[in-house]
Protein backbone atom coordinates (compact mmCIF):
# COMPACT_ATOMS: atom_id res chain seq x y z
CA MET A 1 40.35 17.88 26.95
CA LYS A 2 39.01 19.11 23.51
CA ARG A 3 39.99 16.00 21.86
CA LEU A 4 38.25 13.71 25.14
CA ARG A 5 35.09 16.54 24.97
CA ARG A 6 35.13 15.87 20.79
CA LEU A 7 35.27 12.32 20.98
CA LEU A 8 32.40 12.33 24.00
CA VAL A 9 30.49 14.31 21.05
CA ILE A 10 31.14 11.86 18.72
CA GLY A 11 29.85 8.56 20.51
CA ALA A 12 26.81 10.19 22.03
CA LEU A 13 25.74 11.10 17.95
CA LEU A 14 26.78 7.70 17.19
CA ALA A 15 24.76 6.18 19.85
CA CYS A 16 21.98 8.64 18.76
CA SER A 17 22.10 7.02 14.92
CA ALA A 18 22.05 3.45 15.93
CA CYS A 19 19.30 3.73 18.23
CA ALA A 20 17.14 5.68 15.22
CA THR A 21 17.64 2.98 12.74
CA ARG A 22 16.13 0.47 14.72
CA PRO A 23 12.84 -0.33 15.30
CA ALA A 24 11.72 0.67 18.78
CA VAL A 25 9.74 -2.54 19.28
CA PRO A 26 9.84 -6.03 17.68
CA VAL A 27 7.05 -5.97 14.78
CA ASP A 28 4.81 -9.23 14.18
CA ARG A 29 5.34 -9.83 10.77
CA ALA A 30 2.84 -12.07 10.51
CA ALA A 31 -0.10 -10.51 12.17
CA LEU A 32 1.04 -7.51 10.34
CA GLN A 33 1.05 -9.54 6.68
CA ALA A 34 -2.62 -10.63 7.97
CA GLU A 35 -3.43 -7.30 8.26
CA VAL A 36 -2.77 -6.24 4.61
CA PHE A 37 -4.28 -9.38 3.34
CA ALA A 38 -7.76 -8.73 4.71
CA SER A 39 -6.86 -4.50 3.68
CA GLU A 40 -6.32 -5.04 0.67
CA ARG A 41 -9.57 -7.63 0.14
CA ALA A 42 -11.68 -5.47 2.03
CA PHE A 43 -10.62 -2.89 -0.59
CA ALA A 44 -11.11 -4.89 -3.63
CA LYS A 45 -14.68 -5.67 -1.78
CA THR A 46 -15.63 -2.28 -2.50
CA MET A 47 -15.67 -2.57 -6.55
CA ALA A 48 -17.29 -5.64 -5.65
CA ASP A 49 -20.03 -4.26 -3.70
CA ARG A 50 -20.01 -0.89 -5.43
CA ASP A 51 -19.13 0.99 -2.59
CA HIS A 52 -17.22 4.34 -3.91
CA ALA A 53 -17.24 6.04 -0.73
CA ALA A 54 -16.03 2.71 0.83
CA PHE A 55 -13.37 3.12 -1.92
CA THR A 56 -12.05 6.61 -0.39
CA VAL A 57 -11.52 5.14 3.16
CA PHE A 58 -8.67 3.10 2.07
CA LEU A 59 -7.33 5.94 0.38
CA ALA A 60 -4.12 7.90 2.42
CA ASP A 61 -4.94 10.98 1.95
CA ASP A 62 -1.36 11.95 0.09
CA ALA A 63 -1.69 8.76 -2.26
CA VAL A 64 -0.41 8.36 -5.86
CA PHE A 65 -1.98 6.18 -8.28
CA PHE A 66 -1.21 5.44 -11.95
CA SER A 67 -3.33 5.59 -14.67
CA GLY A 68 -1.60 4.79 -17.83
CA ASP A 69 0.82 8.15 -18.68
CA GLU A 70 -1.62 9.98 -15.83
CA VAL A 71 -0.34 10.24 -12.14
CA LEU A 72 -3.33 11.01 -9.95
CA ARG A 73 -2.08 13.25 -6.74
CA GLY A 74 -3.86 12.99 -3.27
CA LYS A 75 -7.22 11.13 -2.07
CA ALA A 76 -9.61 13.86 -4.04
CA ALA A 77 -7.97 13.16 -7.42
CA VAL A 78 -7.84 9.46 -6.89
CA ALA A 79 -11.68 9.24 -5.89
CA ALA A 80 -12.58 11.19 -8.88
CA ALA A 81 -10.76 9.13 -11.25
CA TRP A 82 -12.14 6.07 -9.50
CA LYS A 83 -15.72 7.47 -9.31
CA PRO A 84 -16.98 6.33 -12.96
CA LEU A 85 -15.36 2.34 -12.61
CA TYR A 86 -18.57 2.46 -9.69
CA THR A 87 -21.06 3.83 -11.45
CA LYS A 88 -22.32 0.42 -14.26
CA PRO A 89 -24.43 -2.14 -12.26
CA ASN A 90 -21.48 -4.88 -12.68
CA ALA A 91 -17.67 -4.30 -11.48
CA PRO A 92 -15.69 -3.83 -14.76
CA PHE A 93 -12.70 -5.67 -13.17
CA SER A 94 -11.87 -7.40 -9.58
CA TRP A 95 -8.34 -8.13 -7.72
CA GLU A 96 -6.73 -10.30 -5.19
CA PRO A 97 -4.06 -10.19 -2.98
CA LYS A 98 -1.39 -12.88 -3.75
CA ARG A 99 1.68 -12.00 -1.85
CA VAL A 100 1.99 -9.56 0.93
CA GLU A 101 5.59 -8.13 2.60
CA VAL A 102 6.00 -6.33 5.35
CA LEU A 103 8.85 -3.90 6.14
CA ASP A 104 10.69 -4.79 9.29
CA SER A 105 9.46 -1.04 10.98
CA GLY A 106 6.19 -2.32 10.42
CA ASP A 107 5.00 0.75 8.91
CA LEU A 108 4.64 -0.02 5.07
CA ALA A 109 3.89 -3.04 3.10
CA LEU A 110 3.52 -4.10 -0.83
CA SER A 111 0.95 -6.03 -1.81
CA THR A 112 0.40 -7.63 -5.08
CA GLY A 113 -1.51 -10.00 -7.39
CA PRO A 114 -3.91 -10.42 -10.57
CA VAL A 115 -6.45 -7.78 -11.40
CA ILE A 116 -9.27 -10.00 -13.25
CA GLY A 117 -11.35 -8.84 -16.11
CA ALA A 118 -15.10 -9.22 -16.30
CA ASP A 119 -14.65 -11.95 -18.64
CA GLY A 120 -12.33 -13.64 -16.11
CA LYS A 121 -9.43 -13.58 -17.19
CA THR A 122 -6.44 -11.81 -15.67
CA VAL A 123 -5.54 -8.63 -17.38
CA ALA A 124 -3.20 -7.29 -15.34
CA THR A 125 -0.77 -7.04 -12.07
CA PHE A 126 -1.55 -4.63 -9.07
CA ASN A 127 1.20 -3.14 -6.92
CA SER A 128 0.26 -1.42 -3.93
CA ILE A 129 2.08 0.27 -0.95
CA TRP A 130 0.35 0.67 2.32
CA ARG A 131 1.40 2.60 4.91
CA ARG A 132 0.27 1.45 8.55
CA GLU A 133 -1.38 5.09 10.16
CA ALA A 134 -2.59 3.49 13.48
CA PRO A 135 -2.88 -0.34 14.94
CA GLY A 136 -4.74 -2.40 12.33
CA ARG A 137 -5.23 0.58 9.91
CA TRP A 138 -3.86 0.45 6.63
CA ARG A 139 -4.02 3.17 3.95
CA VAL A 140 -2.91 3.00 0.35
CA VAL A 141 -0.61 5.62 -0.56
CA PHE A 142 1.11 3.96 -3.79
CA ASP A 143 -0.89 2.23 -6.51
CA LYS A 144 0.62 1.36 -10.30
CA GLY A 145 -0.83 -1.66 -12.35
CA SER A 146 1.48 -3.49 -14.74
CA ASP A 147 0.17 -5.46 -17.88
CA VAL A 148 0.51 -9.39 -17.73
CA CYS A 149 3.24 -11.59 -19.35
CA GLN A 150 2.08 -13.69 -21.54
CA GLY A 151 3.30 -16.80 -19.12
CA GLU A 152 1.19 -15.11 -16.31
CA LYS A 153 -2.10 -15.16 -18.54
């Protein structure tokens, strides 16, 4: 009897763990990728429009941005560090997503692409992790740029 009870408990635990690892509903990855592309483009447009307040709307409360050797933690810290980039009449750089990948769960996405300097040359590559916080609402949780290799310029 003890053995049967133990087997039933183990079976129930295995069944629960199998359910926990599968998405509840299959996601439309193409639709989610389109949402992230649109979010990234709207995020980049805040720089072109010189609209710092709009920039902050795309930041998750717990966002982490890498800025050189410094790590900026939280929406307020990221917003404060980026504010000077919005003060001059011309944008110091722009960016455009080239590739977006979404997890099968539909909750996280990676966007990456070139960062273009004011002179029109590619100066870096951005890598952003977006989290889906509501249908159609994506916010940046991680952002880190990297130098451009010679072949990429």
